[in-house]
Protein backbone atom coordinates (compact mmCIF):
# COMPACT_ATOMS: atom_id res chain seq x y z
CA MET A 1 0.00 0.11 -0.01
CA ASN A 2 1.39 3.32 -1.10
CA ARG A 3 0.82 5.79 1.72
CA LEU A 4 2.99 8.66 0.46
CA ALA A 5 1.82 9.32 -3.00
CA ASN A 6 -0.86 11.91 -1.95
CA ALA A 7 1.21 13.52 0.75
CA SER A 8 1.32 17.23 1.12
CA SER A 9 5.22 17.03 1.20
CA PRO A 10 7.52 16.82 -2.00
CA TYR A 11 10.00 14.94 0.32
CA LEU A 12 7.58 12.29 1.07
CA ARG A 13 6.34 12.12 -2.32
CA ALA A 14 9.71 11.37 -3.43
CA HIS A 15 9.91 8.27 -1.25
CA ALA A 16 6.43 6.94 -2.44
CA ASP A 17 7.95 4.30 -4.62
CA ASN A 18 10.25 3.06 -2.25
CA PRO A 19 10.12 -0.74 -1.42
CA VAL A 20 10.05 0.46 2.06
CA ALA A 21 6.34 0.32 3.62
CA TRP A 22 6.38 3.89 4.73
CA PHE A 23 3.86 5.59 6.93
CA PRO A 24 3.55 9.14 7.23
CA TRP A 25 3.62 10.70 10.73
CA GLY A 26 0.61 9.94 12.67
CA ARG A 27 -1.00 7.75 15.29
CA GLU A 28 -1.57 4.75 12.76
CA ALA A 29 2.12 3.79 12.59
CA PHE A 30 2.51 3.54 16.38
CA ALA A 31 -0.70 1.60 16.76
CA LEU A 32 0.47 -0.92 14.27
CA ALA A 33 3.93 -1.19 15.89
CA ALA A 34 2.21 -2.03 19.10
CA GLU A 35 -0.14 -4.61 17.60
CA ARG A 36 3.10 -6.17 15.78
CA ASP A 37 5.24 -5.83 18.91
CA VAL A 38 8.03 -4.23 16.81
CA PRO A 39 9.96 -1.17 17.28
CA VAL A 40 9.52 2.12 15.18
CA MET A 41 12.09 3.58 12.82
CA ILE A 42 11.57 7.17 12.29
CA SER A 43 13.57 8.68 9.34
CA ILE A 44 13.37 12.58 9.23
CA GLY A 45 14.80 14.71 6.44
CA TYR A 46 13.69 17.35 3.82
CA SER A 47 13.23 17.74 0.16
CA THR A 48 16.63 19.51 -0.60
CA CYS A 49 18.91 17.70 1.76
CA HIS A 50 21.72 16.03 -0.05
CA TRP A 51 22.61 13.31 2.32
CA CYS A 52 18.96 12.49 2.54
CA HIS A 53 18.87 11.74 -1.12
CA VAL A 54 22.03 9.58 -0.69
CA MET A 55 20.61 7.36 2.02
CA ALA A 56 17.37 6.90 0.10
CA ARG A 57 19.44 5.65 -2.98
CA GLU A 58 21.52 3.56 -0.93
CA SER A 59 19.24 2.11 1.37
CA PHE A 60 15.56 2.78 1.06
CA GLN A 61 15.60 1.86 -2.56
CA ASP A 62 17.32 -1.26 -1.83
CA ALA A 63 14.72 -4.13 -1.92
CA GLU A 64 16.87 -6.32 0.53
CA THR A 65 17.22 -3.33 2.98
CA ALA A 66 13.49 -2.57 2.76
CA GLY A 67 12.64 -6.18 3.33
CA ILE A 68 14.58 -6.07 6.60
CA LEU A 69 12.67 -2.93 7.56
CA ASN A 70 9.36 -4.12 6.71
CA ASP A 71 9.68 -7.47 8.53
CA GLY A 72 11.03 -6.08 11.77
CA PHE A 73 9.99 -2.52 12.12
CA VAL A 74 7.19 0.05 11.37
CA SER A 75 8.83 2.82 9.25
CA ILE A 76 7.92 6.60 9.51
CA LYS A 77 8.97 9.11 6.89
CA VAL A 78 8.89 12.64 8.21
CA ASP A 79 9.48 15.98 6.49
CA ARG A 80 11.38 18.02 9.22
CA GLU A 81 9.80 21.34 7.60
CA GLU A 82 6.32 20.06 7.63
CA HIS A 83 6.66 18.78 11.22
CA PRO A 84 9.16 21.01 12.92
CA ASP A 85 7.95 20.05 16.43
CA VAL A 86 8.55 16.37 15.60
CA ASP A 87 11.98 17.23 14.48
CA ALA A 88 12.85 19.09 17.38
CA ALA A 89 11.70 16.47 19.75
CA TYR A 90 13.77 13.76 18.08
CA LEU A 91 16.65 15.94 17.96
CA ASP A 92 16.53 16.39 21.51
CA ALA A 93 16.36 12.60 22.03
CA ALA A 94 19.02 11.89 19.47
CA SER A 95 21.62 14.26 21.39
CA ALA A 96 21.90 11.58 24.09
CA PHE A 97 23.38 9.05 21.56
CA THR A 98 25.29 11.21 18.99
CA PRO A 99 26.86 14.63 19.23
CA HIS A 100 26.79 14.84 15.44
CA LEU A 101 23.13 15.84 14.67
CA GLY A 102 21.91 16.59 11.36
CA TRP A 103 19.91 15.11 8.66
CA PRO A 104 18.74 12.52 7.55
CA LEU A 105 18.04 11.92 11.41
CA THR A 106 17.41 8.17 12.07
CA VAL A 107 15.51 7.25 15.39
CA PHE A 108 14.31 4.04 16.89
CA ALA A 109 11.64 4.16 19.53
CA SER A 110 8.98 1.80 21.22
CA PRO A 111 5.52 1.87 20.06
CA GLU A 112 4.74 4.26 22.92
CA GLY A 113 7.25 6.72 21.46
CA ARG A 114 10.25 5.99 23.79
CA VAL A 115 13.49 6.47 22.02
CA PHE A 116 16.05 3.93 22.76
CA TYR A 117 18.72 4.68 19.81
CA ALA A 118 19.25 7.25 17.18
CA GLY A 119 21.77 8.50 14.69
CA THR A 120 22.00 10.20 11.50
CA TYR A 121 23.23 9.05 8.02
CA PHE A 122 24.21 5.34 7.82
CA PRO A 123 26.03 4.02 4.92
CA PRO A 124 25.13 0.79 3.09
CA THR A 125 28.45 -0.95 3.96
CA PRO A 126 30.64 -0.37 7.19
CA ARG A 127 32.95 2.52 7.31
CA PRO A 128 34.80 2.17 10.48
CA PRO A 129 33.85 3.57 13.01
CA GLN A 130 30.50 4.04 11.30
CA PRO A 131 28.49 0.73 11.13
CA SER A 132 26.25 0.22 8.01
CA PHE A 133 22.55 0.73 8.01
CA ARG A 134 21.83 -3.06 8.02
CA GLN A 135 24.16 -3.76 11.07
CA VAL A 136 22.23 -0.91 12.87
CA LEU A 137 19.04 -2.65 12.04
CA ALA A 138 20.40 -5.90 13.08
CA ALA A 139 21.61 -4.57 16.40
CA VAL A 140 18.38 -2.92 17.20
CA ARG A 141 16.32 -5.94 16.32
CA GLU A 142 18.52 -8.18 18.72
CA ALA A 143 18.14 -5.57 21.45
CA TRP A 144 14.50 -5.48 20.97
CA THR A 145 13.74 -9.15 20.99
CA GLU A 146 16.75 -10.38 23.34
CA ARG A 147 17.05 -7.49 25.77
CA ARG A 148 13.72 -5.72 25.93
CA SER A 149 14.01 -4.72 29.54
CA GLU A 150 17.25 -2.73 28.74
CA VAL A 151 15.53 -1.15 25.75
CA ASP A 152 12.44 0.03 28.00
CA ALA A 153 14.86 1.37 30.54
CA THR A 154 16.70 3.31 28.35
CA GLY A 155 13.60 4.84 26.66
CA SER A 156 11.98 5.69 30.08
CA SER A 157 15.17 7.21 31.58
CA LEU A 158 15.70 9.27 28.46
CA ARG A 159 12.38 10.74 28.50
CA ASP A 160 12.62 11.49 32.17
CA ALA A 161 16.07 13.14 31.72
CA LEU A 162 14.83 15.32 28.92
CA ALA A 163 11.82 16.40 31.02
CA ALA A 164 14.14 17.15 33.98
CA ALA A 165 16.38 19.50 31.57
CA ALA A 166 13.34 22.00 30.93
CA THR A 167 14.76 25.38 31.16
CA VAL A 168 13.59 27.49 34.38
CA PRO A 169 12.54 31.12 33.22
CA ALA A 170 14.85 33.94 34.42
CA ASP A 171 13.48 36.31 36.74
CA ALA A 172 13.84 39.24 34.32
CA ALA A 173 14.69 39.82 30.76
CA PRO A 174 18.30 40.64 30.04
CA THR A 175 19.67 44.12 30.70
CA LEU A 176 21.07 46.34 28.03
CA ASP A 177 24.54 45.81 29.80
CA GLN A 178 23.99 41.88 29.37
CA LEU A 179 23.02 42.12 25.86
CA ALA A 180 26.03 44.43 25.01
CA ALA A 181 28.31 41.79 26.67
CA ALA A 182 26.64 39.05 24.44
CA ALA A 183 27.24 41.17 21.33
CA ARG A 184 31.07 41.67 22.36
CA ALA A 185 31.25 37.79 22.88
CA VAL A 186 29.64 37.44 19.20
CA ALA A 187 32.03 39.92 17.75
CA ALA A 188 35.00 38.26 19.27
CA ARG A 189 34.20 35.18 17.38
CA GLU A 190 34.49 37.08 14.04
CA ASP A 191 36.92 35.57 11.30
CA ARG A 192 38.77 38.76 10.66
CA GLU A 193 40.35 37.39 7.54
CA TYR A 194 37.20 36.02 5.78
CA GLY A 195 34.30 37.36 7.74
CA GLY A 196 31.44 35.60 9.53
CA PHE A 197 31.93 33.36 12.46
CA ALA A 198 33.70 30.04 13.43
CA ALA A 199 33.22 27.53 15.93
CA GLY A 200 36.75 27.41 17.00
CA PRO A 201 40.34 28.70 16.37
CA ALA A 202 41.01 26.09 13.83
CA PHE A 203 38.07 27.43 11.57
CA GLU A 204 37.64 23.89 10.22
CA THR A 205 33.74 24.12 10.19
CA PRO A 206 31.01 25.07 7.71
CA LYS A 207 30.22 28.48 7.42
CA PHE A 208 26.44 29.47 7.61
CA PRO A 209 24.96 32.99 7.02
CA ASN A 210 23.53 32.93 10.55
CA THR A 211 21.10 35.74 9.68
CA PRO A 212 19.56 35.93 13.19
CA VAL A 213 23.01 36.85 14.75
CA LEU A 214 23.71 39.38 12.01
CA ARG A 215 20.41 41.13 12.66
CA PHE A 216 21.00 41.06 16.46
CA LEU A 217 24.38 42.90 15.71
CA GLN A 218 22.74 45.49 13.62
CA HIS A 219 20.16 46.67 16.21
CA PRO A 220 20.65 50.32 16.88
CA ALA A 221 20.66 50.01 20.61
CA LEU A 222 24.05 48.43 20.50
CA SER A 223 25.67 51.19 18.77
CA PRO A 224 26.41 53.28 21.90
CA ASP A 225 28.09 50.48 23.89
CA VAL A 226 29.46 48.11 21.05
CA PRO A 227 29.96 50.33 18.21
CA GLU A 228 31.76 47.51 16.19
CA ALA A 229 28.87 45.09 16.25
CA ALA A 230 27.16 46.49 13.02
CA ASP A 231 30.55 46.57 11.27
CA VAL A 232 30.93 42.71 11.94
CA ALA A 233 27.58 42.18 10.31
CA SER A 234 28.40 44.35 7.27
CA ARG A 235 31.90 42.46 6.84
CA ALA A 236 30.07 39.19 7.00
CA LEU A 237 27.57 40.32 4.46
CA ALA A 238 30.11 41.70 2.03
CA ALA A 239 32.33 38.42 2.38
CA MET A 240 29.31 36.38 1.35
CA VAL A 241 28.52 38.64 -1.45
CA ALA A 242 31.94 38.36 -2.89
CA SER A 243 32.22 34.66 -2.47
CA ASP A 244 30.94 31.38 -3.89
CA LEU A 245 28.07 31.35 -1.47
CA HIS A 246 26.45 34.00 -3.75
CA ASP A 247 24.81 33.25 -7.02
CA PRO A 248 25.35 36.41 -9.36
CA VAL A 249 23.28 34.98 -12.17
CA GLU A 250 19.88 34.05 -10.64
CA GLY A 251 20.48 36.12 -7.19
CA GLY A 252 20.44 34.76 -3.79
CA PHE A 253 22.66 32.90 -1.58
CA PHE A 254 23.50 29.16 -1.21
CA ARG A 255 22.74 27.23 2.21
CA TYR A 256 26.31 27.13 3.67
CA ALA A 257 30.00 26.82 2.70
CA THR A 258 32.25 24.03 3.61
CA ARG A 259 35.50 26.08 3.65
CA ARG A 260 36.47 28.96 5.83
CA ASP A 261 36.66 31.39 2.89
CA TRP A 262 33.14 30.68 1.94
CA SER A 263 33.97 28.41 -0.98
CA VAL A 264 32.63 25.03 -1.88
CA PRO A 265 29.01 25.83 -1.00
CA HIS A 266 26.32 23.49 -0.27
CA TYR A 267 24.14 24.33 -3.35
CA GLU A 268 20.57 24.20 -1.99
CA ARG A 269 19.02 27.65 -1.73
CA MET A 270 16.55 28.24 1.17
CA LEU A 271 13.65 30.78 1.46
CA THR A 272 14.50 31.45 5.16
CA ASP A 273 18.29 32.38 4.41
CA ASN A 274 17.51 34.65 1.54
CA ALA A 275 14.67 36.50 3.44
CA GLY A 276 17.03 36.97 6.39
CA LEU A 277 19.69 38.16 4.18
CA VAL A 278 17.44 40.72 2.39
CA GLU A 279 16.68 42.28 5.85
CA VAL A 280 20.39 42.21 6.73
CA ALA A 281 21.46 43.99 3.67
CA LEU A 282 18.82 46.61 4.06
CA ALA A 283 19.91 47.37 7.55
CA ALA A 284 23.42 47.47 6.32
CA GLY A 285 22.48 50.02 3.59
CA ASP A 286 23.23 47.48 0.87
CA GLU A 287 20.16 48.00 -1.43
CA ALA A 288 22.07 46.28 -4.38
CA THR A 289 22.32 42.88 -2.29
CA ALA A 290 18.88 43.29 -0.75
CA THR A 291 17.59 43.53 -4.40
CA ASP A 292 19.65 40.58 -5.48
CA ALA A 293 18.24 38.34 -2.74
CA ALA A 294 14.72 39.53 -3.16
CA ARG A 295 14.65 38.66 -6.84
CA PHE A 296 15.71 35.14 -5.98
CA LEU A 297 12.66 34.85 -3.95
CA VAL A 298 10.34 36.30 -6.44
CA ASP A 299 11.89 35.11 -9.84
CA VAL A 300 12.87 31.66 -8.67
CA LEU A 301 10.86 30.59 -5.63
CA GLN A 302 7.50 32.29 -6.15
CA LEU A 303 4.88 29.89 -7.15
CA PRO A 304 2.13 30.46 -9.81
CA SER A 305 -0.29 30.56 -6.69
CA GLY A 306 1.66 33.39 -5.26
CA GLY A 307 2.90 31.35 -2.37
CA ILE A 308 6.86 31.02 -2.08
CA ALA A 309 8.56 27.56 -2.18
CA ALA A 310 10.59 26.43 0.71
CA ALA A 311 13.68 25.90 -1.08
CA GLN A 312 15.53 24.96 -4.30
CA ASP A 313 17.37 21.65 -4.60
CA SER A 314 21.11 21.19 -4.35
CA GLU A 315 20.99 18.56 -7.02
CA SER A 316 20.58 18.82 -10.69
CA ILE A 317 21.09 16.50 -13.77
CA ILE A 318 23.75 17.52 -16.27
CA ASP A 319 24.22 15.36 -19.23
CA GLY A 320 21.97 12.67 -17.71
CA VAL A 321 23.98 12.65 -14.49
CA ARG A 322 22.67 13.73 -10.93
CA THR A 323 25.22 16.10 -9.46
CA GLU A 324 25.10 18.37 -6.47
CA GLY A 325 25.75 22.12 -7.80
CA GLY A 326 26.38 21.16 -11.43
CA TYR A 327 23.68 23.50 -12.66
CA TYR A 328 25.59 26.52 -11.11
CA ARG A 329 29.08 25.54 -12.44
CA VAL A 330 28.00 25.74 -16.03
CA ALA A 331 28.42 29.03 -17.64
CA ASP A 332 25.33 29.16 -19.64
CA ARG A 333 22.38 27.81 -17.90
CA SER A 334 19.64 28.78 -20.28
CA ALA A 335 19.42 25.22 -21.82
CA LEU A 336 19.64 23.33 -18.56
CA GLN A 337 16.65 22.15 -16.50
CA PRO A 338 17.08 24.14 -13.11
CA PRO A 339 17.23 22.06 -9.91
CA ALA A 340 13.78 21.20 -8.61
CA LEU A 341 11.98 23.33 -6.03
CA ASP A 342 10.48 22.00 -2.70
CA ALA A 343 7.11 23.69 -3.59
CA LYS A 344 5.49 23.35 -0.25
CA VAL A 345 4.33 26.61 0.91
CA VAL A 346 5.29 26.74 4.55
CA THR A 347 3.25 29.25 6.53
CA GLY A 348 5.93 30.89 8.83
CA TRP A 349 8.55 30.82 6.22
CA ASN A 350 6.32 32.67 3.84
CA GLY A 351 5.75 35.22 6.72
CA HIS A 352 9.70 35.85 6.71
CA ALA A 353 9.54 36.19 2.96
CA ILE A 354 6.53 38.61 3.10
CA ALA A 355 8.35 40.79 5.69
CA ALA A 356 11.52 40.97 3.60
CA LEU A 357 9.82 41.65 0.46
CA ALA A 358 7.52 44.33 1.96
CA ALA A 359 10.56 45.98 3.36
CA ALA A 360 12.62 45.75 0.03
CA GLY A 361 9.56 47.05 -1.94
CA ALA A 362 9.37 50.01 0.33
CA ARG A 363 13.05 50.77 -0.12
CA THR A 364 14.00 49.57 -3.65
CA ASP A 365 11.60 48.03 -6.30
CA PRO A 366 7.80 48.15 -5.94
CA ARG A 367 7.33 44.83 -7.69
CA PHE A 368 8.68 43.30 -4.29
CA LEU A 369 5.93 44.89 -2.46
CA GLU A 370 3.43 43.64 -4.82
CA ALA A 371 4.94 39.92 -4.54
CA ALA A 372 4.65 40.15 -0.61
CA ARG A 373 1.08 41.21 -1.14
CA TRP A 374 0.64 38.14 -3.53
CA ALA A 375 2.08 35.82 -1.04
CA ALA A 376 0.13 36.91 1.74
CA ASP A 377 -3.04 36.57 -0.04
CA ALA A 378 -2.02 33.17 -1.10
CA VAL A 379 -1.01 31.78 2.39
CA LEU A 380 -4.33 33.16 3.71
CA GLU A 381 -6.25 31.47 1.11
CA SER A 382 -4.41 28.19 1.10
CA ASN A 383 -2.96 27.60 4.64
CA VAL A 384 -5.84 28.62 6.85
CA ALA A 385 -8.19 25.89 7.97
CA ASP A 386 -12.06 26.01 7.97
CA ASP A 387 -12.08 26.90 11.72
CA GLY A 388 -9.72 29.90 11.07
CA THR A 389 -6.57 28.32 12.55
CA LEU A 390 -3.38 27.87 10.58
CA ARG A 391 -1.82 24.76 8.92
CA ARG A 392 1.84 24.38 8.79
CA ALA A 393 2.11 24.16 4.95
CA SER A 394 0.26 23.45 1.79
CA LEU A 395 1.28 21.83 -1.66
CA ASP A 396 -0.50 22.56 -4.87
CA GLU A 397 -2.77 24.72 -2.74
CA ILE A 398 -3.91 21.77 -0.74
CA ARG A 399 -3.53 22.17 2.94
CA SER A 400 -1.25 19.87 4.98
CA ALA A 401 -2.74 17.88 7.91
CA ALA A 402 0.17 19.09 10.13
CA PRO A 403 -0.84 21.78 12.68
CA ALA A 404 0.66 24.93 12.40
CA THR A 405 3.51 25.89 15.05
CA LEU A 406 4.36 28.85 16.93
CA GLU A 407 6.76 29.81 14.21
CA ASP A 408 3.76 29.85 11.79
CA TYR A 409 1.60 31.95 13.80
CA GLY A 410 4.48 34.46 14.71
CA GLY A 411 5.98 34.42 11.29
CA LEU A 412 2.77 35.01 9.40
CA ALA A 413 2.02 37.77 11.72
CA ARG A 414 5.23 39.61 11.52
CA GLY A 415 4.94 39.49 7.70
CA LEU A 416 1.46 40.83 7.91
CA PHE A 417 2.67 43.65 10.10
CA ALA A 418 5.63 44.56 7.63
CA LEU A 419 3.10 44.43 4.86
CA ALA A 420 0.75 46.67 6.80
CA ARG A 421 3.37 49.27 7.46
CA ALA A 422 4.59 49.33 3.98
CA THR A 423 1.06 49.40 2.28
CA GLY A 424 -0.71 51.52 4.90
CA GLU A 425 -3.56 48.98 5.06
CA ALA A 426 -4.68 48.41 8.61
CA ALA A 427 -6.48 45.01 7.63
CA TYR A 428 -3.15 43.36 7.40
CA ALA A 429 -2.24 44.40 10.91
CA SER A 430 -5.54 43.44 12.33
CA ARG A 431 -5.36 39.90 10.76
CA ALA A 432 -1.85 39.59 12.33
CA ARG A 433 -3.14 40.66 15.80
CA ALA A 434 -5.85 37.95 15.52
CA LEU A 435 -3.19 35.28 14.68
CA VAL A 436 -1.19 36.28 17.91
CA ASP A 437 -4.26 36.34 19.90
CA LEU A 438 -5.03 32.72 19.01
CA CYS A 439 -1.82 31.58 20.72
CA LEU A 440 -2.30 33.70 23.92
CA GLY A 441 -4.35 31.88 26.68
CA PRO A 442 -4.52 30.89 30.27
CA ASP A 443 -2.32 27.77 29.80
CA GLY A 444 0.62 29.96 28.29
CA ILE A 445 1.84 30.84 24.92
CA ARG A 446 1.14 27.88 22.53
CA PRO A 447 -0.34 27.35 19.05
CA PRO A 448 -4.02 26.29 19.17
CA GLY A 449 -4.46 22.77 20.26
CA GLY A 450 -1.12 22.80 22.08
CA GLY A 451 1.07 21.26 19.59
CA ASP A 452 1.47 17.96 17.68
CA PRO A 453 -1.21 15.59 18.99
CA VAL A 454 0.96 12.48 18.69
CA LEU A 455 3.88 14.05 20.72
CA VAL A 456 1.52 15.49 23.12
CA ALA A 457 0.02 11.95 23.72
CA GLN A 458 3.54 10.38 24.10
CA GLY A 459 4.98 13.06 26.26
CA MET A 460 7.66 13.37 23.58
CA GLN A 461 7.65 17.28 23.15
CA ALA A 462 10.89 19.13 22.85
CA HIS A 463 12.18 20.47 26.28
CA GLY A 464 14.37 23.35 26.92
CA VAL A 465 14.69 26.37 24.85
CA PRO A 466 15.04 25.92 20.94
CA SER A 467 18.07 27.82 19.45
CA ASP A 468 17.70 30.01 16.49
CA GLY A 469 20.40 28.62 14.32
CA ALA A 470 20.07 29.59 10.62
CA SER A 471 16.42 30.93 11.18
CA PRO A 472 14.46 32.21 14.21
CA SER A 473 12.92 29.65 16.38
CA GLY A 474 9.29 29.35 16.86
CA PRO A 475 9.34 31.32 20.19
CA SER A 476 11.76 33.88 18.99
CA VAL A 477 9.65 34.88 15.80
CA PHE A 478 6.26 34.88 18.01
CA ALA A 479 8.18 37.20 20.58
CA ALA A 480 9.13 39.36 17.60
CA ALA A 481 5.56 39.58 16.27
CA ALA A 482 4.20 40.31 19.98
CA LEU A 483 6.94 42.96 20.13
CA ASP A 484 5.62 44.54 16.90
CA LEU A 485 2.11 44.78 18.29
CA TRP A 486 3.16 46.67 21.38
CA ARG A 487 5.17 49.03 19.17
CA LEU A 488 2.11 49.68 17.17
CA GLY A 489 0.10 50.56 20.36
CA ALA A 490 -1.98 47.58 20.58
CA GLY A 491 -1.47 46.92 24.30
CA GLU A 492 0.93 46.08 27.17
CA GLU A 493 -0.19 42.53 27.07
CA TYR A 494 1.84 42.06 23.97
CA ARG A 495 5.04 43.35 25.53
CA THR A 496 4.33 41.03 28.40
CA ALA A 497 4.16 38.12 25.93
CA ALA A 498 7.39 38.91 24.43
CA GLU A 499 9.12 39.22 27.75
CA THR A 500 7.60 35.89 28.80
CA LEU A 501 9.33 34.01 25.95
CA VAL A 502 12.57 36.14 26.32
CA ARG A 503 12.91 35.27 29.95
CA ALA A 504 12.49 31.63 29.13
CA ALA A 505 15.50 31.78 26.85
CA ALA A 506 17.62 34.37 28.67
CA GLU A 507 19.97 31.78 30.31
CA ALA A 508 20.73 29.89 27.50
CA ALA A 509 20.92 32.84 25.10
CA LEU A 510 23.17 34.76 27.00
CA ALA A 511 25.57 31.74 27.55
CA ALA A 512 25.70 30.93 23.92
CA PRO A 513 24.64 34.05 21.89
CA LEU A 514 25.78 32.71 18.49
CA ALA A 515 23.08 30.21 18.72
CA TYR A 516 20.26 32.68 19.82
CA GLY A 517 20.54 35.78 17.81
CA ALA A 518 16.88 36.23 17.04
CA ILE A 519 15.67 35.98 20.82
CA LEU A 520 18.49 38.44 21.60
CA GLU A 521 17.34 40.79 19.18
CA VAL A 522 13.84 40.90 20.62
CA ALA A 523 15.44 41.12 24.15
CA LEU A 524 17.22 44.31 22.75
CA GLY A 525 13.90 45.56 21.91
CA LEU A 526 12.45 45.05 25.26
CA ALA A 527 15.66 46.69 26.89
CA SER A 528 15.70 49.86 24.73
CA ALA A 529 13.16 52.56 24.16
CA PRO A 530 11.35 51.98 20.81
CA ARG A 531 11.65 54.51 18.08
CA GLN A 532 8.68 54.70 15.74
CA VAL A 533 8.33 56.86 12.69
CA VAL A 534 5.05 57.65 11.07
CA VAL A 535 4.51 59.60 7.98
CA VAL A 536 0.94 60.75 7.22
CA GLY A 537 0.37 62.08 3.65
CA GLU A 538 1.45 61.30 0.13
CA THR A 539 3.33 57.98 -0.01
CA ASP A 540 5.78 59.22 -2.49
CA ALA A 541 6.70 62.46 -0.81
CA GLU A 542 10.24 63.23 -0.15
CA ILE A 543 9.83 62.90 3.50
CA ALA A 544 8.32 59.54 3.14
CA ASP A 545 11.38 58.25 1.34
CA ALA A 546 13.53 59.54 3.93
CA ALA A 547 11.52 57.76 6.58
CA ARG A 548 12.00 54.51 4.85
CA ARG A 549 15.80 54.81 5.49
CA VAL A 550 15.58 55.63 9.01
CA ALA A 551 16.90 52.91 11.53
CA ALA A 552 13.63 52.80 13.66
CA ASP A 553 11.73 50.06 15.19
CA VAL A 554 8.60 50.98 13.25
CA VAL A 555 8.46 53.00 9.82
CA ALA A 556 4.93 53.29 8.69
CA VAL A 557 3.86 55.66 5.59
CA VAL A 558 0.06 56.03 5.58
CA SER A 559 -2.54 58.21 4.01
CA PRO A 560 -4.65 60.40 6.38
CA GLU A 561 -7.56 57.91 5.79
CA GLN A 562 -5.23 55.03 6.66
CA ALA A 563 -4.07 56.80 9.88
CA VAL A 564 -7.59 56.93 11.00
CA ALA A 565 -8.25 53.17 10.13
CA PHE A 566 -5.36 52.14 12.09
CA ALA A 567 -6.31 54.13 15.14
CA ALA A 568 -10.00 52.91 14.75
CA ALA A 569 -8.55 49.27 14.72
CA GLY A 570 -6.65 49.63 18.14
CA PHE A 571 -3.38 50.71 17.04
CA GLU A 572 -2.86 53.76 19.26
CA LEU A 573 0.41 54.81 17.57
CA PHE A 574 -1.63 56.34 14.93
CA GLU A 575 -4.01 58.26 17.09
CA GLY A 576 -4.47 61.73 16.26
CA LYS A 577 -1.75 61.82 13.53
CA THR A 578 -2.58 63.90 10.45
CA ALA A 579 -1.03 65.64 7.37
CA LEU A 580 -0.41 69.20 8.63
CA GLY A 581 -1.68 71.76 6.07
CA GLY A 582 -2.13 68.87 3.56
CA GLU A 583 1.59 68.09 3.28
CA ALA A 584 3.20 64.79 4.19
CA THR A 585 4.05 65.17 7.83
CA ALA A 586 6.51 62.91 9.98
CA TYR A 587 6.07 62.03 13.65
CA ASP A 588 9.23 60.85 15.14
CA CYS A 589 8.31 59.06 18.53
CA ARG A 590 10.71 57.53 21.22
CA ALA A 591 9.07 55.30 23.66
CA PHE A 592 5.68 56.37 22.44
CA THR A 593 6.42 60.21 23.00
CA CYS A 594 6.53 62.14 19.75
CA ALA A 595 8.58 65.03 18.79
CA LEU A 596 6.84 67.98 17.13
CA PRO A 597 5.52 66.85 13.66
CA THR A 598 7.56 67.96 10.90
CA THR A 599 7.42 68.20 7.09
CA ASP A 600 11.32 68.53 6.65
CA PRO A 601 13.21 65.47 5.49
CA ALA A 602 16.32 66.53 7.16
CA ARG A 603 14.78 66.33 10.54
CA LEU A 604 14.69 62.51 10.13
CA VAL A 605 17.99 61.16 10.95
C-alpha cells in the first residue's frame, strides 16, 4: 500500500515508490507497531537535503534493506519542514546518542514513542567506526527481542532526563548591559580574515549566513556600547556577496559553505536564508544585495499561486548525471533544467519572505511589495483551515494535515505587520493581531491545540529552549510579532508576552549568543526605548522616502484615511496623527512620546 503518494510534502512523495512500507507521521504507525510488537524506525529529512537523497538511494531504494525494515519495524518518513516540532523532539532525544546531529535523522523508538537509539546518516556498507545501516537494524532488532528490559529502561530514563532538563525562566529579561556583553562575545568570534563566524580557532567548520545573529548585531541599541557590532555584520555580508556562496546569475545565496573562505558551497537555496539576508542587507544600507536576494525569492521561488516555495534543491542533472551544484558551475544555464523546487508553501517561512519583500519593496523596487501582497493573499487562502486556525504548509494549494507551530503564527503575523506598515493597510495588521491572539491563553503561549497531538500523547515534546540557528525559532519569531504589536500601540499585554518568551530563553541565550541571535534581538527591543516613525500624507513624498531609510523599530507611511483606520482598529500609535496643512508630515516618536511633527526630511536622521 502506497501511503505517501498523495502526501502534502515533496519529500514524502519522493519516497512513495520505495520498497519500504512507509507511513506518514501519525498515530496509525505507532498503533500498528504495538499490534505487531516491533520497534518504530523514524526517518526525518527534507526535500533539498543532499545526504537524505544519498541514504534514500543507498538504503531505502534497496529491496533487501527494505525487506529487513518491513519484516522487523514500522517505518515512518517525516519531512522536518512540515513537522518541525517532531524534528525538534527527536533531535533532543538523539543528542543522547550522538554529538553529530543533522539530517537524515534516524531514530528508533518503542510503540509508545520512547526513543532508545538514534543516529544520522548510515552508509550501506561499514565505514569504521561507522556501522552500516543493516548492521544498525540487526543490532536494534537483537536488542528489542533479546534485551527488551534494557531497551525499555533506556527509553524511560531518556524521557525522564529530557523532561528534567526543561529550562527555568529567568526572573527578568536581560538588561542592556548583559546584551552588550553578549554582542561583544559574538564579535570576538569573528573571522577577521574572511568574515562571518567560526566555531573554534582552527576554523575547520562549515560557515552559515546565520542571519539571526547578524540582525542582532545590527540593532541600533548596541551602537553606543558596542560600536563595532554593526561593522561585524556588514563585513560578513560583504564577504558572502563576494564569495561562491552568492549566485550572481539568478540572485540569492546558497545554504552554507564548507570552507572557511566561503568556498565550496552546499548548493541548496533556502527561502529562510535569503529572506533573512534581504533584511540584513537593508539594515546595512546595501540595497543592491537586498534587491539581489529579493529577486531570487520572487523570480525563482515564487509559485504561480503566489506562495513562495520552501527551497531549491542542491542536486541537478547535467548530461544525464545527477550532480550536486552542477547547474551553477555551467556558464550558460539557459538550456539546462534548473534544480527542482521544494514547492510546499510553509506558513511561517512565507511570513519571513513577506516581511523581507515588503521592506525591500518600500526601499527599492515596488514589484517586491506586490510580490509580498500576492504571497500573503496566497497563504491566507491556502494555509488557513475551516476553523480559522493555521496549517503548517500546503502543496499545490492543498493544505497539509500538519498543525501550525508557534513559528507559523508568529512568522505570518510578523510578515503581515510589515506589509501593513509598507502599504498602509490596517486590515493586514488586524489579521496579524488575530493570529497572535489565538496563541495567548490561560495555559501559556502555545499554538491552538497545544502542538502536535502524537507528541503530546506520548509526552515527547521538545524540552528546553530551541536555538535560533539559521533562522528564528518559533518562540523567537512569535516574540518578535508580539513586540511589533506593542510598538504599534496595541496594548501592554503583547509586551508581556514577548518578555515571557525572552525570559524563558535568557540563560541559554546569554551563555551561547551565537545560537540565539533572534531572541536576543527581541531582548534588545525590550531593553531599549522603541523608536517609531509615522508619515501621514503622500506616500511618494520626499519625507516618506527619508523615513523609509531611518533605523527605527517602526516605520509606517500612511494616508490620512489610513491613519484613521489604524487608530480605529486599536493601534494607538496612529491616534491623532494627520497631514499638517495637507503636506506629508512625519511623527518621530521615542518610547511613544513624539517630537513635534515635521514636514522637513532633514529632521529625520
